[in-house]
C-alpha atoms as a PDB file:
ATOM      1  CA  MET A   1     -11.192  -9.402  -3.035  1.00  0.00           C
ATOM      2  CA  ARG A   2     -11.293  -9.258  -7.075  1.00  0.00           C
ATOM      3  CA  ARG A   3     -10.799  -6.106  -8.958  1.00  0.00           C
ATOM      4  CA  THR A   4     -10.709  -5.239 -12.601  1.00  0.00           C
ATOM      5  CA  GLY A   5     -10.426  -2.080 -15.033  1.00  0.00           C
ATOM      6  CA  THR A   6      -9.921  -1.625 -18.567  1.00  0.00           C
ATOM      7  CA  ASP A   7      -7.100   1.099 -20.049  1.00  0.00           C
ATOM      8  CA  ARG A   8      -9.159   3.248 -22.491  1.00  0.00           C
ATOM      9  CA  VAL A   9      -6.497   3.958 -24.592  1.00  0.00           C
ATOM     10  CA  GLY A  10      -4.789   0.923 -25.065  1.00  0.00           C
ATOM     11  CA  GLY A  11      -7.911  -1.584 -24.422  1.00  0.00           C
ATOM     12  CA  ASN A  12      -6.314  -3.583 -21.892  1.00  0.00           C
ATOM     13  CA  THR A  13      -8.260  -5.534 -19.147  1.00  0.00           C
ATOM     14  CA  PHE A  14      -6.490  -5.785 -15.631  1.00  0.00           C
ATOM     15  CA  VAL A  15      -7.824  -8.390 -13.229  1.00  0.00           C
ATOM     16  CA  VAL A  16      -6.453  -8.242  -9.823  1.00  0.00           C
ATOM     17  CA  ASP A  17      -7.015 -10.836  -7.062  1.00  0.00           C
ATOM     18  CA  GLU A  18      -5.997  -9.424  -3.775  1.00  0.00           C
ATOM     19  CA  ALA A  19      -5.392 -11.468  -0.490  1.00  0.00           C
ATOM     20  CA  THR A  20      -4.604  -9.643   2.826  1.00  0.00           C
ATOM     21  CA  GLY A  21      -3.218 -11.085   6.084  1.00  0.00           C
ATOM     22  CA  GLU A  22      -1.306 -10.474   9.238  1.00  0.00           C
ATOM     23  CA  ASP A  23       2.474 -11.062   9.041  1.00  0.00           C
ATOM     24  CA  VAL A  24       4.154 -12.856  12.355  1.00  0.00           C
ATOM     25  CA  THR A  25       5.708  -9.256  12.893  1.00  0.00           C
ATOM     26  CA  PRO A  26       3.403  -7.019  15.055  1.00  0.00           C
ATOM     27  CA  GLN A  27       1.611  -4.203  13.285  1.00  0.00           C
ATOM     28  CA  VAL A  28       2.412  -5.505   9.824  1.00  0.00           C
ATOM     29  CA  THR A  29       0.052  -6.630   6.911  1.00  0.00           C
ATOM     30  CA  LEU A  30       1.163  -8.731   3.974  1.00  0.00           C
ATOM     31  CA  THR A  31      -0.979  -8.101   0.853  1.00  0.00           C
ATOM     32  CA  TYR A  32      -0.864 -10.603  -2.042  1.00  0.00           C
ATOM     33  CA  ASN A  33      -1.488  -9.734  -5.620  1.00  0.00           C
ATOM     34  CA  ARG A  34      -2.192 -11.208  -8.864  1.00  0.00           C
ATOM     35  CA  VAL A  35      -2.343  -9.074 -11.885  1.00  0.00           C
ATOM     36  CA  GLU A  36      -3.676 -10.947 -15.410  1.00  0.00           C
ATOM     37  CA  THR A  37      -3.130  -8.528 -17.887  1.00  0.00           C
ATOM     38  CA  TYR A  38      -5.372  -9.123 -21.248  1.00  0.00           C
ATOM     39  CA  ASP A  39      -5.286  -7.320 -24.532  1.00  0.00           C
ATOM     40  CA  ALA A  40      -8.403  -5.739 -26.223  1.00  0.00           C
ATOM     41  CA  ALA A  41      -9.457  -9.223 -28.039  1.00  0.00           C
ATOM     42  CA  GLY A  42      -9.271 -11.130 -24.526  1.00  0.00           C
ATOM     43  CA  HIS A  43      -5.958 -12.748 -25.298  1.00  0.00           C
ATOM     44  CA  LEU A  44      -3.841 -12.996 -22.274  1.00  0.00           C
ATOM     45  CA  LEU A  45      -0.681 -10.946 -22.029  1.00  0.00           C
ATOM     46  CA  GLY A  46       0.819 -11.996 -18.773  1.00  0.00           C
ATOM     47  CA  ILE A  47       0.535 -12.362 -15.001  1.00  0.00           C
ATOM     48  CA  GLU A  48       2.443 -10.603 -12.040  1.00  0.00           C
ATOM     49  CA  MET A  49       2.641 -11.956  -8.785  1.00  0.00           C
ATOM     50  CA  ARG A  50       3.192  -9.348  -6.327  1.00  0.00           C
ATOM     51  CA  LYS A  51       3.633  -9.411  -2.403  1.00  0.00           C
ATOM     52  CA  ILE A  52       3.897  -6.073  -0.421  1.00  0.00           C
ATOM     53  CA  ARG A  53       4.489  -5.723   3.461  1.00  0.00           C
ATOM     54  CA  THR A  54       2.888  -2.746   4.941  1.00  0.00           C
ATOM     55  CA  ARG A  55       3.921  -1.719   8.491  1.00  0.00           C
ATOM     56  CA  TRP A  56       1.358   0.792  10.558  1.00  0.00           C
ATOM     57  CA  TRP A  57       1.689   2.739  13.245  1.00  0.00           C
ATOM     58  CA  ARG A  58       0.256   4.147  15.730  1.00  0.00           C
ATOM     59  CA  ARG A  59       0.464   8.054  16.080  1.00  0.00           C
ATOM     60  CA  ASP A  60       2.338   7.993  19.433  1.00  0.00           C
ATOM     61  CA  GLU A  61       4.966   5.401  18.373  1.00  0.00           C
ATOM     62  CA  PHE A  62       5.418   7.711  14.611  1.00  0.00           C
ATOM     63  CA  VAL A  63       6.020  10.440  16.992  1.00  0.00           C
ATOM     64  CA  THR A  64       8.908   8.707  19.365  1.00  0.00           C
ATOM     65  CA  ALA A  65      10.414   7.264  16.238  1.00  0.00           C
ATOM     66  CA  LEU A  66      10.612  10.483  14.506  1.00  0.00           C
ATOM     67  CA  THR A  67      12.166  12.396  17.673  1.00  0.00           C
ATOM     68  CA  ASP A  68      14.521   9.244  17.980  1.00  0.00           C
ATOM     69  CA  THR A  69      15.955   9.980  14.568  1.00  0.00           C
ATOM     70  CA  GLY A  70      16.712  13.687  15.053  1.00  0.00           C
ATOM     71  CA  PHE A  71      13.262  15.380  13.423  1.00  0.00           C
ATOM     72  CA  THR A  72      11.918  18.605  15.327  1.00  0.00           C
ATOM     73  CA  ASP A  73       8.668  20.606  14.609  1.00  0.00           C
ATOM     74  CA  ILE A  74       6.667  17.343  14.301  1.00  0.00           C
ATOM     75  CA  LYS A  75       2.794  18.044  13.633  1.00  0.00           C
ATOM     76  CA  LEU A  76       0.167  15.029  13.089  1.00  0.00           C
ATOM     77  CA  LEU A  77      -2.723  16.265  11.078  1.00  0.00           C
ATOM     78  CA  GLY A  78      -5.713  13.939  11.176  1.00  0.00           C
ATOM     79  CA  ASP A  79      -7.453  11.323  13.571  1.00  0.00           C
ATOM     80  CA  GLU A  80      -6.382   7.551  14.528  1.00  0.00           C
ATOM     81  CA  LEU A  81      -8.332   6.642  11.481  1.00  0.00           C
ATOM     82  CA  GLY A  82      -5.941   8.617   9.017  1.00  0.00           C
ATOM     83  CA  TRP A  83      -3.143  10.922   9.399  1.00  0.00           C
ATOM     84  CA  VAL A  84      -0.321  12.124   8.096  1.00  0.00           C
ATOM     85  CA  ALA A  85       3.125  13.780   9.867  1.00  0.00           C
ATOM     86  CA  LEU A  86       4.954  16.554   8.937  1.00  0.00           C
ATOM     87  CA  ALA A  87       8.384  17.146  10.507  1.00  0.00           C
ATOM     88  CA  ILE A  88      11.595  19.183  10.153  1.00  0.00           C
ATOM     89  CA  ARG A  89      15.115  17.334  10.029  1.00  0.00           C
ATOM     90  CA  PRO A  90      17.739  19.726  10.705  1.00  0.00           C
END
């Protein structure tokens, strides 16, 4: 995937190439980003590489993890496509 955007204040343009794939660990997604930054005249200012590892949880797994680490009053808002957990740690 390739995305671009220009900073309206400084005029710098950012080009991001992104690739994602599954890690060998279950329920982990790896994302690799290559970010190129250009000034307003189109000159390359720099290139940055990023590796992001994201662990995802099913709802029941997350509730178990919260309970096992001492959280109480656990509430999940949303559905399987997207949710937020609220809990209290005494």
